N, C-alpha and C. Protein backbone atom coordinates (compact mmCIF):
# COMPACT_ATOMS: atom_id res chain seq x y z
N MET A 1 -120.54 141.69 -47.21
CA MET A 1 -119.69 141.45 -46.12
C MET A 1 -120.04 140.12 -45.44
N GLU A 2 -121.27 139.88 -45.37
CA GLU A 2 -121.70 138.62 -44.81
C GLU A 2 -121.14 137.47 -45.62
N LYS A 3 -121.12 137.65 -46.89
CA LYS A 3 -120.61 136.63 -47.77
C LYS A 3 -119.13 136.41 -47.52
N LYS A 4 -118.43 137.47 -47.30
CA LYS A 4 -117.01 137.38 -47.04
C LYS A 4 -116.76 136.66 -45.72
N VAL A 5 -117.55 136.93 -44.74
CA VAL A 5 -117.39 136.30 -43.44
C VAL A 5 -117.69 134.81 -43.57
N LYS A 6 -118.72 134.47 -44.35
CA LYS A 6 -119.07 133.07 -44.55
C LYS A 6 -117.94 132.35 -45.28
N GLU A 7 -117.36 133.00 -46.29
CA GLU A 7 -116.26 132.38 -47.04
C GLU A 7 -115.05 132.17 -46.13
N GLU A 8 -114.78 133.16 -45.32
CA GLU A 8 -113.65 133.02 -44.40
C GLU A 8 -113.91 131.91 -43.38
N ALA A 9 -115.14 131.80 -42.93
CA ALA A 9 -115.50 130.75 -41.97
C ALA A 9 -115.35 129.38 -42.63
N MET A 10 -115.80 129.31 -43.92
CA MET A 10 -115.69 128.05 -44.63
C MET A 10 -114.21 127.70 -44.86
N GLU A 11 -113.41 128.68 -45.23
CA GLU A 11 -111.98 128.44 -45.42
C GLU A 11 -111.34 127.98 -44.11
N GLN A 12 -111.76 128.61 -43.05
CA GLN A 12 -111.23 128.24 -41.72
C GLN A 12 -111.60 126.79 -41.40
N GLU A 13 -112.83 126.38 -41.70
CA GLU A 13 -113.26 125.02 -41.45
C GLU A 13 -112.46 124.03 -42.28
N VAL A 14 -112.22 124.36 -43.55
CA VAL A 14 -111.45 123.49 -44.43
C VAL A 14 -110.02 123.35 -43.90
N VAL A 15 -109.41 124.45 -43.49
CA VAL A 15 -108.05 124.42 -42.95
C VAL A 15 -108.02 123.57 -41.69
N GLU A 16 -109.02 123.72 -40.84
CA GLU A 16 -109.08 122.93 -39.60
C GLU A 16 -109.24 121.44 -39.92
N GLU A 17 -110.09 121.12 -40.92
CA GLU A 17 -110.29 119.72 -41.30
C GLU A 17 -108.99 119.12 -41.83
N VAL A 18 -108.30 119.86 -42.69
CA VAL A 18 -107.04 119.37 -43.26
C VAL A 18 -106.01 119.18 -42.14
N THR A 19 -105.95 120.11 -41.22
CA THR A 19 -105.01 120.01 -40.10
C THR A 19 -105.34 118.80 -39.24
N GLU A 20 -106.64 118.59 -38.98
CA GLU A 20 -107.05 117.44 -38.18
C GLU A 20 -106.70 116.13 -38.89
N GLU A 21 -106.90 116.09 -40.21
CA GLU A 21 -106.56 114.88 -40.97
C GLU A 21 -105.06 114.59 -40.89
N LYS A 22 -104.24 115.64 -41.04
CA LYS A 22 -102.79 115.47 -40.97
C LYS A 22 -102.36 114.98 -39.59
N GLU A 23 -102.99 115.55 -38.56
CA GLU A 23 -102.66 115.12 -37.19
C GLU A 23 -103.07 113.67 -36.98
N ALA A 24 -104.22 113.28 -37.51
CA ALA A 24 -104.68 111.90 -37.36
C ALA A 24 -103.73 110.94 -38.07
N GLN A 25 -103.29 111.34 -39.28
CA GLN A 25 -102.35 110.50 -40.02
C GLN A 25 -101.02 110.36 -39.25
N THR A 26 -100.54 111.45 -38.70
CA THR A 26 -99.29 111.43 -37.94
C THR A 26 -99.43 110.52 -36.72
N GLU A 27 -100.56 110.62 -36.02
CA GLU A 27 -100.79 109.77 -34.85
C GLU A 27 -100.83 108.30 -35.24
N GLU A 28 -101.46 108.00 -36.40
CA GLU A 28 -101.53 106.61 -36.86
C GLU A 28 -100.12 106.09 -37.18
N GLU A 29 -99.32 106.94 -37.83
CA GLU A 29 -97.95 106.53 -38.17
C GLU A 29 -97.14 106.27 -36.91
N VAL A 30 -97.30 107.16 -35.94
CA VAL A 30 -96.56 106.99 -34.68
C VAL A 30 -97.04 105.73 -33.97
N SER A 31 -98.32 105.50 -33.92
CA SER A 31 -98.84 104.31 -33.24
C SER A 31 -98.43 103.05 -33.98
N GLU A 32 -98.34 103.10 -35.31
CA GLU A 32 -97.88 101.93 -36.06
C GLU A 32 -96.42 101.63 -35.75
N GLU A 33 -95.59 102.70 -35.58
CA GLU A 33 -94.18 102.50 -35.28
C GLU A 33 -93.99 101.95 -33.87
N THR A 34 -94.76 102.45 -32.90
CA THR A 34 -94.58 102.02 -31.52
C THR A 34 -95.31 100.72 -31.22
N SER A 35 -96.45 100.50 -31.83
CA SER A 35 -97.16 99.25 -31.54
C SER A 35 -96.54 98.14 -32.37
N GLU A 36 -96.13 97.09 -31.64
CA GLU A 36 -95.50 95.97 -32.30
C GLU A 36 -96.53 94.86 -32.46
N ASP A 37 -96.19 94.01 -33.33
CA ASP A 37 -97.02 92.84 -33.52
C ASP A 37 -96.91 91.97 -32.26
N PRO A 38 -97.98 91.38 -31.79
CA PRO A 38 -97.90 90.55 -30.59
C PRO A 38 -96.89 89.40 -30.74
N LYS A 39 -96.71 88.92 -31.94
CA LYS A 39 -95.72 87.86 -32.17
C LYS A 39 -94.32 88.38 -31.91
N ASP A 40 -94.04 89.62 -32.35
CA ASP A 40 -92.72 90.19 -32.12
C ASP A 40 -92.45 90.37 -30.63
N LYS A 41 -93.48 90.78 -29.89
CA LYS A 41 -93.32 90.93 -28.44
C LYS A 41 -93.02 89.58 -27.81
N LYS A 42 -93.73 88.55 -28.23
CA LYS A 42 -93.54 87.21 -27.67
C LYS A 42 -92.15 86.69 -28.01
N ILE A 43 -91.69 86.92 -29.24
CA ILE A 43 -90.35 86.50 -29.65
C ILE A 43 -89.29 87.20 -28.80
N GLU A 44 -89.47 88.50 -28.61
CA GLU A 44 -88.52 89.26 -27.81
C GLU A 44 -88.49 88.75 -26.37
N GLU A 45 -89.66 88.47 -25.82
CA GLU A 45 -89.76 87.97 -24.45
C GLU A 45 -89.10 86.59 -24.32
N LEU A 46 -89.37 85.72 -25.27
CA LEU A 46 -88.77 84.38 -25.23
C LEU A 46 -87.26 84.42 -25.43
N ASN A 47 -86.81 85.30 -26.30
CA ASN A 47 -85.38 85.46 -26.53
C ASN A 47 -84.69 85.95 -25.26
N ASP A 48 -85.30 86.90 -24.57
CA ASP A 48 -84.75 87.41 -23.31
C ASP A 48 -84.68 86.29 -22.27
N ARG A 49 -85.74 85.51 -22.14
CA ARG A 49 -85.76 84.39 -21.20
C ARG A 49 -84.67 83.37 -21.54
N TYR A 50 -84.52 83.09 -22.83
CA TYR A 50 -83.50 82.14 -23.28
C TYR A 50 -82.10 82.62 -22.89
N GLN A 51 -81.82 83.90 -23.15
CA GLN A 51 -80.50 84.44 -22.83
C GLN A 51 -80.24 84.40 -21.32
N ARG A 52 -81.25 84.72 -20.53
CA ARG A 52 -81.09 84.68 -19.08
C ARG A 52 -80.85 83.26 -18.58
N LEU A 53 -81.59 82.31 -19.14
CA LEU A 53 -81.41 80.91 -18.75
C LEU A 53 -80.01 80.40 -19.13
N MET A 54 -79.54 80.79 -20.29
CA MET A 54 -78.21 80.37 -20.72
C MET A 54 -77.14 80.96 -19.80
N ALA A 55 -77.28 82.21 -19.41
CA ALA A 55 -76.33 82.83 -18.49
C ALA A 55 -76.38 82.14 -17.13
N GLU A 56 -77.57 81.84 -16.66
CA GLU A 56 -77.73 81.14 -15.38
C GLU A 56 -77.11 79.75 -15.45
N PHE A 57 -77.31 79.06 -16.55
CA PHE A 57 -76.73 77.73 -16.73
C PHE A 57 -75.20 77.80 -16.73
N GLU A 58 -74.65 78.77 -17.42
CA GLU A 58 -73.19 78.93 -17.49
C GLU A 58 -72.62 79.21 -16.10
N ASN A 59 -73.30 80.08 -15.33
CA ASN A 59 -72.84 80.37 -13.97
C ASN A 59 -72.91 79.12 -13.09
N ALA A 60 -73.98 78.35 -13.22
CA ALA A 60 -74.12 77.12 -12.43
C ALA A 60 -73.03 76.12 -12.82
N ARG A 61 -72.72 76.01 -14.09
CA ARG A 61 -71.68 75.09 -14.55
C ARG A 61 -70.32 75.48 -13.96
N LYS A 62 -70.00 76.76 -14.00
CA LYS A 62 -68.73 77.23 -13.44
C LYS A 62 -68.67 76.99 -11.93
N ARG A 63 -69.78 77.27 -11.25
CA ARG A 63 -69.83 77.08 -9.80
C ARG A 63 -69.64 75.60 -9.45
N MET A 64 -70.28 74.70 -10.20
CA MET A 64 -70.16 73.26 -9.93
C MET A 64 -68.72 72.79 -10.18
N ALA A 65 -68.09 73.29 -11.23
CA ALA A 65 -66.70 72.90 -11.51
C ALA A 65 -65.78 73.36 -10.38
N LYS A 66 -66.00 74.57 -9.91
CA LYS A 66 -65.19 75.11 -8.82
C LYS A 66 -65.40 74.30 -7.54
N GLU A 67 -66.65 73.97 -7.24
CA GLU A 67 -66.96 73.19 -6.04
C GLU A 67 -66.36 71.79 -6.13
N SER A 68 -66.40 71.18 -7.31
CA SER A 68 -65.85 69.83 -7.44
C SER A 68 -64.33 69.85 -7.26
N MET A 69 -63.66 70.89 -7.75
CA MET A 69 -62.22 71.01 -7.54
C MET A 69 -61.90 71.19 -6.06
N GLN A 70 -62.71 71.98 -5.37
CA GLN A 70 -62.50 72.18 -3.93
C GLN A 70 -62.69 70.87 -3.18
N LYS A 71 -63.71 70.10 -3.55
CA LYS A 71 -63.95 68.82 -2.89
C LYS A 71 -62.80 67.85 -3.17
N TYR A 72 -62.31 67.85 -4.40
CA TYR A 72 -61.18 66.99 -4.75
C TYR A 72 -59.95 67.37 -3.92
N ASP A 73 -59.67 68.68 -3.84
CA ASP A 73 -58.51 69.13 -3.07
C ASP A 73 -58.65 68.79 -1.59
N MET A 74 -59.87 68.91 -1.05
CA MET A 74 -60.08 68.56 0.36
C MET A 74 -59.81 67.07 0.58
N GLY A 75 -60.31 66.23 -0.32
CA GLY A 75 -60.08 64.78 -0.19
C GLY A 75 -58.62 64.44 -0.35
N ALA A 76 -57.97 65.04 -1.32
CA ALA A 76 -56.55 64.78 -1.55
C ALA A 76 -55.74 65.25 -0.34
N LYS A 77 -56.09 66.39 0.21
CA LYS A 77 -55.37 66.92 1.36
C LYS A 77 -55.50 65.98 2.55
N ASP A 78 -56.69 65.42 2.75
CA ASP A 78 -56.91 64.49 3.84
C ASP A 78 -56.02 63.24 3.69
N VAL A 79 -55.97 62.70 2.49
CA VAL A 79 -55.15 61.51 2.24
C VAL A 79 -53.66 61.85 2.40
N LEU A 80 -53.26 62.98 1.89
CA LEU A 80 -51.85 63.37 1.97
C LEU A 80 -51.42 63.59 3.42
N GLU A 81 -52.30 64.15 4.24
CA GLU A 81 -51.97 64.33 5.66
C GLU A 81 -51.71 62.99 6.33
N LYS A 82 -52.42 61.96 5.90
CA LYS A 82 -52.24 60.63 6.48
C LYS A 82 -50.95 59.96 5.98
N LEU A 83 -50.45 60.39 4.83
CA LEU A 83 -49.20 59.82 4.30
C LEU A 83 -47.94 60.46 4.90
N LEU A 84 -48.07 61.66 5.43
CA LEU A 84 -46.89 62.36 5.94
C LEU A 84 -46.18 61.62 7.07
N PRO A 85 -46.87 60.96 8.00
CA PRO A 85 -46.13 60.18 9.01
C PRO A 85 -45.30 59.05 8.39
N VAL A 86 -45.75 58.50 7.27
CA VAL A 86 -44.98 57.46 6.58
C VAL A 86 -43.68 58.06 6.06
N VAL A 87 -43.77 59.25 5.48
CA VAL A 87 -42.58 59.95 4.98
C VAL A 87 -41.64 60.23 6.14
N ASP A 88 -42.19 60.69 7.28
CA ASP A 88 -41.36 60.96 8.46
C ASP A 88 -40.63 59.70 8.92
N ASN A 89 -41.33 58.56 8.92
CA ASN A 89 -40.71 57.31 9.35
C ASN A 89 -39.61 56.86 8.40
N PHE A 90 -39.82 57.07 7.09
CA PHE A 90 -38.75 56.77 6.12
C PHE A 90 -37.53 57.61 6.43
N GLU A 91 -37.73 58.90 6.68
CA GLU A 91 -36.60 59.79 6.95
C GLU A 91 -35.89 59.40 8.24
N ARG A 92 -36.64 59.09 9.29
CA ARG A 92 -36.01 58.67 10.56
C ARG A 92 -35.24 57.36 10.37
N GLY A 93 -35.83 56.43 9.65
CA GLY A 93 -35.17 55.14 9.41
C GLY A 93 -33.89 55.30 8.63
N LEU A 94 -33.91 56.12 7.60
CA LEU A 94 -32.71 56.33 6.79
C LEU A 94 -31.64 57.11 7.56
N ALA A 95 -32.07 58.01 8.46
CA ALA A 95 -31.11 58.76 9.27
C ALA A 95 -30.44 57.86 10.31
N ALA A 96 -31.12 56.79 10.72
CA ALA A 96 -30.58 55.90 11.75
C ALA A 96 -29.64 54.83 11.19
N VAL A 97 -29.54 54.72 9.89
CA VAL A 97 -28.68 53.70 9.28
C VAL A 97 -27.22 54.07 9.51
N ALA A 98 -26.44 53.09 9.96
CA ALA A 98 -25.01 53.30 10.19
C ALA A 98 -24.30 53.49 8.85
N GLU A 99 -23.21 54.20 8.90
CA GLU A 99 -22.45 54.54 7.69
C GLU A 99 -21.99 53.29 6.92
N GLU A 100 -21.58 52.23 7.63
CA GLU A 100 -21.10 51.03 6.95
C GLU A 100 -22.22 50.20 6.33
N GLU A 101 -23.46 50.44 6.76
CA GLU A 101 -24.60 49.68 6.22
C GLU A 101 -25.26 50.39 5.03
N LYS A 102 -24.86 51.59 4.70
CA LYS A 102 -25.51 52.36 3.63
C LYS A 102 -25.36 51.72 2.26
N GLU A 103 -24.36 50.85 2.08
CA GLU A 103 -24.13 50.20 0.79
C GLU A 103 -24.91 48.89 0.64
N SER A 104 -25.59 48.46 1.68
CA SER A 104 -26.33 47.19 1.59
C SER A 104 -27.53 47.34 0.66
N PRO A 105 -27.88 46.28 -0.04
CA PRO A 105 -29.01 46.34 -0.99
C PRO A 105 -30.34 46.70 -0.31
N PHE A 106 -30.51 46.26 0.93
CA PHE A 106 -31.76 46.59 1.63
C PHE A 106 -31.89 48.10 1.83
N VAL A 107 -30.85 48.75 2.30
CA VAL A 107 -30.88 50.20 2.55
C VAL A 107 -31.03 50.94 1.23
N GLN A 108 -30.36 50.48 0.19
CA GLN A 108 -30.49 51.13 -1.12
C GLN A 108 -31.91 50.99 -1.65
N GLY A 109 -32.55 49.84 -1.39
CA GLY A 109 -33.95 49.65 -1.80
C GLY A 109 -34.88 50.60 -1.05
N ILE A 110 -34.65 50.76 0.24
CA ILE A 110 -35.47 51.68 1.05
C ILE A 110 -35.27 53.12 0.56
N GLU A 111 -34.03 53.49 0.24
CA GLU A 111 -33.76 54.84 -0.28
C GLU A 111 -34.47 55.04 -1.62
N ALA A 112 -34.49 54.03 -2.47
CA ALA A 112 -35.16 54.13 -3.77
C ALA A 112 -36.67 54.30 -3.58
N ILE A 113 -37.25 53.56 -2.63
CA ILE A 113 -38.68 53.70 -2.35
C ILE A 113 -38.98 55.10 -1.83
N TYR A 114 -38.14 55.60 -0.92
CA TYR A 114 -38.31 56.94 -0.36
C TYR A 114 -38.24 58.00 -1.47
N LYS A 115 -37.26 57.87 -2.35
CA LYS A 115 -37.13 58.84 -3.45
C LYS A 115 -38.34 58.79 -4.38
N GLN A 116 -38.83 57.59 -4.66
CA GLN A 116 -40.01 57.46 -5.51
C GLN A 116 -41.24 58.08 -4.85
N LEU A 117 -41.40 57.86 -3.56
CA LEU A 117 -42.52 58.45 -2.82
C LEU A 117 -42.44 59.98 -2.87
N MET A 118 -41.26 60.52 -2.65
CA MET A 118 -41.10 61.99 -2.66
C MET A 118 -41.33 62.56 -4.06
N THR A 119 -40.88 61.86 -5.08
CA THR A 119 -41.10 62.30 -6.47
C THR A 119 -42.60 62.30 -6.79
N THR A 120 -43.29 61.27 -6.34
CA THR A 120 -44.73 61.17 -6.57
C THR A 120 -45.46 62.31 -5.85
N LEU A 121 -45.09 62.58 -4.60
CA LEU A 121 -45.72 63.67 -3.85
C LEU A 121 -45.47 65.02 -4.52
N GLU A 122 -44.25 65.22 -5.00
CA GLU A 122 -43.94 66.48 -5.70
C GLU A 122 -44.76 66.60 -6.98
N GLY A 123 -44.97 65.49 -7.67
CA GLY A 123 -45.80 65.51 -8.88
C GLY A 123 -47.24 65.86 -8.60
N ILE A 124 -47.72 65.49 -7.44
CA ILE A 124 -49.09 65.80 -7.04
C ILE A 124 -49.23 67.27 -6.65
N GLY A 125 -48.13 67.85 -6.19
CA GLY A 125 -48.18 69.25 -5.77
C GLY A 125 -47.79 69.46 -4.33
N VAL A 126 -47.24 68.43 -3.69
CA VAL A 126 -46.80 68.54 -2.30
C VAL A 126 -45.32 68.93 -2.31
N ALA A 127 -45.01 69.97 -1.55
CA ALA A 127 -43.63 70.43 -1.47
C ALA A 127 -43.25 70.62 0.00
N PRO A 128 -42.04 70.17 0.39
CA PRO A 128 -41.61 70.39 1.77
C PRO A 128 -41.22 71.85 1.99
N MET A 129 -41.50 72.33 3.21
CA MET A 129 -41.07 73.68 3.58
C MET A 129 -39.70 73.57 4.22
N ASN A 130 -38.79 74.38 3.79
CA ASN A 130 -37.49 74.43 4.43
C ASN A 130 -37.48 75.66 5.31
N ALA A 131 -37.68 75.46 6.60
CA ALA A 131 -37.87 76.57 7.52
C ALA A 131 -36.57 77.06 8.15
N GLU A 132 -35.58 76.22 8.24
CA GLU A 132 -34.37 76.56 8.97
C GLU A 132 -33.67 77.77 8.36
N GLY A 133 -33.36 78.75 9.25
CA GLY A 133 -32.67 79.97 8.82
C GLY A 133 -33.60 81.04 8.28
N LYS A 134 -34.88 80.76 8.16
CA LYS A 134 -35.84 81.73 7.66
C LYS A 134 -36.55 82.41 8.82
N GLU A 135 -37.15 83.54 8.55
CA GLU A 135 -37.89 84.26 9.59
C GLU A 135 -39.13 83.47 9.98
N PHE A 136 -39.43 83.47 11.27
CA PHE A 136 -40.59 82.74 11.79
C PHE A 136 -41.87 83.34 11.23
N ASN A 137 -42.73 82.49 10.69
CA ASN A 137 -44.02 82.90 10.14
C ASN A 137 -45.08 82.00 10.78
N PRO A 138 -45.98 82.56 11.60
CA PRO A 138 -46.97 81.72 12.27
C PRO A 138 -47.95 81.05 11.31
N ASP A 139 -48.04 81.53 10.09
CA ASP A 139 -48.91 80.89 9.11
C ASP A 139 -48.30 79.59 8.58
N LEU A 140 -46.97 79.48 8.66
CA LEU A 140 -46.27 78.31 8.13
C LEU A 140 -45.63 77.44 9.21
N HIS A 141 -45.29 78.07 10.34
CA HIS A 141 -44.50 77.39 11.35
C HIS A 141 -45.26 77.29 12.67
N ASN A 142 -44.95 76.23 13.40
CA ASN A 142 -45.49 76.03 14.74
C ASN A 142 -44.30 76.04 15.70
N ALA A 143 -44.15 77.13 16.47
CA ALA A 143 -43.01 77.26 17.38
C ALA A 143 -43.28 76.43 18.63
N VAL A 144 -42.41 75.46 18.88
CA VAL A 144 -42.57 74.63 20.07
C VAL A 144 -41.47 74.89 21.09
N MET A 145 -40.40 75.60 20.68
CA MET A 145 -39.30 75.93 21.59
C MET A 145 -38.72 77.28 21.22
N HIS A 146 -38.18 77.94 22.24
CA HIS A 146 -37.43 79.18 22.03
C HIS A 146 -36.02 78.94 22.56
N VAL A 147 -35.06 79.49 21.88
CA VAL A 147 -33.67 79.29 22.27
C VAL A 147 -32.93 80.62 22.17
N GLU A 148 -32.00 80.84 23.10
CA GLU A 148 -31.14 82.02 23.05
C GLU A 148 -29.89 81.62 22.27
N ASP A 149 -29.72 82.18 21.07
CA ASP A 149 -28.57 81.81 20.24
C ASP A 149 -28.13 83.05 19.49
N ASP A 150 -26.85 83.44 19.70
CA ASP A 150 -26.32 84.63 19.03
C ASP A 150 -26.03 84.39 17.56
N ALA A 151 -25.99 83.15 17.13
CA ALA A 151 -25.72 82.83 15.73
C ALA A 151 -26.90 83.19 14.84
N PHE A 152 -28.09 83.35 15.44
CA PHE A 152 -29.29 83.67 14.67
C PHE A 152 -29.83 85.04 15.09
N GLU A 153 -30.45 85.71 14.17
CA GLU A 153 -31.12 86.97 14.48
C GLU A 153 -32.39 86.66 15.27
N GLU A 154 -33.00 87.70 15.79
CA GLU A 154 -34.22 87.51 16.56
C GLU A 154 -35.36 87.10 15.64
N ASN A 155 -36.19 86.18 16.13
CA ASN A 155 -37.39 85.70 15.43
C ASN A 155 -37.04 84.92 14.15
N VAL A 156 -35.94 84.20 14.18
CA VAL A 156 -35.51 83.36 13.05
C VAL A 156 -35.56 81.90 13.51
N VAL A 157 -35.94 81.02 12.59
CA VAL A 157 -36.01 79.60 12.90
C VAL A 157 -34.60 79.05 13.05
N ALA A 158 -34.29 78.55 14.26
CA ALA A 158 -32.96 78.01 14.55
C ALA A 158 -32.86 76.56 14.11
N GLU A 159 -33.96 75.80 14.30
CA GLU A 159 -33.93 74.39 13.95
C GLU A 159 -35.33 73.93 13.58
N GLU A 160 -35.41 73.06 12.60
CA GLU A 160 -36.69 72.47 12.19
C GLU A 160 -36.78 71.09 12.82
N LEU A 161 -37.74 70.92 13.74
CA LEU A 161 -37.89 69.65 14.45
C LEU A 161 -38.72 68.65 13.66
N GLN A 162 -39.71 69.15 12.93
CA GLN A 162 -40.51 68.29 12.05
C GLN A 162 -40.83 69.08 10.79
N LYS A 163 -40.59 68.46 9.63
CA LYS A 163 -40.81 69.14 8.35
C LYS A 163 -42.28 69.49 8.16
N GLY A 164 -42.48 70.64 7.58
CA GLY A 164 -43.82 71.04 7.18
C GLY A 164 -43.96 70.88 5.68
N TYR A 165 -45.19 70.75 5.22
CA TYR A 165 -45.43 70.55 3.79
C TYR A 165 -46.54 71.47 3.30
N ILE A 166 -46.42 71.85 2.03
CA ILE A 166 -47.41 72.70 1.38
C ILE A 166 -48.04 71.90 0.24
N TYR A 167 -49.35 72.03 0.10
CA TYR A 167 -50.07 71.39 -1.01
C TYR A 167 -50.84 72.46 -1.76
N LYS A 168 -50.45 72.72 -2.99
CA LYS A 168 -51.13 73.70 -3.85
C LYS A 168 -51.39 75.02 -3.14
N ASP A 169 -50.37 75.65 -2.65
CA ASP A 169 -50.43 76.97 -2.02
C ASP A 169 -51.18 76.99 -0.69
N SER A 170 -51.44 75.86 -0.09
CA SER A 170 -52.02 75.85 1.26
C SER A 170 -51.18 74.93 2.13
N VAL A 171 -51.16 75.23 3.41
CA VAL A 171 -50.34 74.46 4.34
C VAL A 171 -50.98 73.10 4.59
N LEU A 172 -50.22 72.07 4.29
CA LEU A 172 -50.68 70.70 4.55
C LEU A 172 -50.36 70.33 5.99
N ARG A 173 -49.14 70.67 6.41
CA ARG A 173 -48.73 70.48 7.81
C ARG A 173 -47.72 71.58 8.15
N HIS A 174 -47.93 72.22 9.29
CA HIS A 174 -47.02 73.27 9.76
C HIS A 174 -45.69 72.65 10.18
N SER A 175 -44.62 73.39 9.97
CA SER A 175 -43.31 72.94 10.44
C SER A 175 -43.22 73.17 11.94
N MET A 176 -42.74 72.16 12.68
CA MET A 176 -42.47 72.35 14.11
C MET A 176 -41.05 72.85 14.22
N VAL A 177 -40.91 74.04 14.81
CA VAL A 177 -39.59 74.69 14.78
C VAL A 177 -39.17 75.19 16.17
N LYS A 178 -37.88 75.42 16.26
CA LYS A 178 -37.27 76.06 17.42
C LYS A 178 -36.87 77.47 16.96
N VAL A 179 -37.33 78.48 17.68
CA VAL A 179 -37.14 79.88 17.25
C VAL A 179 -36.13 80.56 18.16
N ALA A 180 -35.25 81.34 17.55
CA ALA A 180 -34.26 82.10 18.31
C ALA A 180 -34.87 83.41 18.80
N ASN A 181 -34.54 83.75 20.05
CA ASN A 181 -35.04 85.03 20.63
C ASN A 181 -34.02 86.11 20.45
């Protein structure tokens, strides 16, 4: 019986040793799969940094392009605001010409210059606002007078005293208007 117990103990030891060896092999395989070569880690880290830098560069490039367009539009708007009184003076001068003088070469030359100026402004993106007969909008119009007139509905522009202009979806100059009550 002692012999049998010894044999069983020896068998138990062998089974335990084999089990321990298998567990050790499994742990080594798992550690080999999870542990990466230091070069691979460095490559992964550098690749991640590269991708982040490229994304940051792309965002900075887009932001700079947007800012430069805004600066250009601000500068153009400033210059265009200074040209609007010239346009107003052309319109006043042409409106003051007597009917019999409209055929003179001088007046025709002034009209041609005015048309060329307006065509150029339209090409840049400047458009006149036609406010007369439209509903009063404080974002587009500057009401300087109120008038009681049954020909117009309430809060409608009765007369445009000074033309307003729009440049690329923003107001360059508000229209000065007379509003019906």
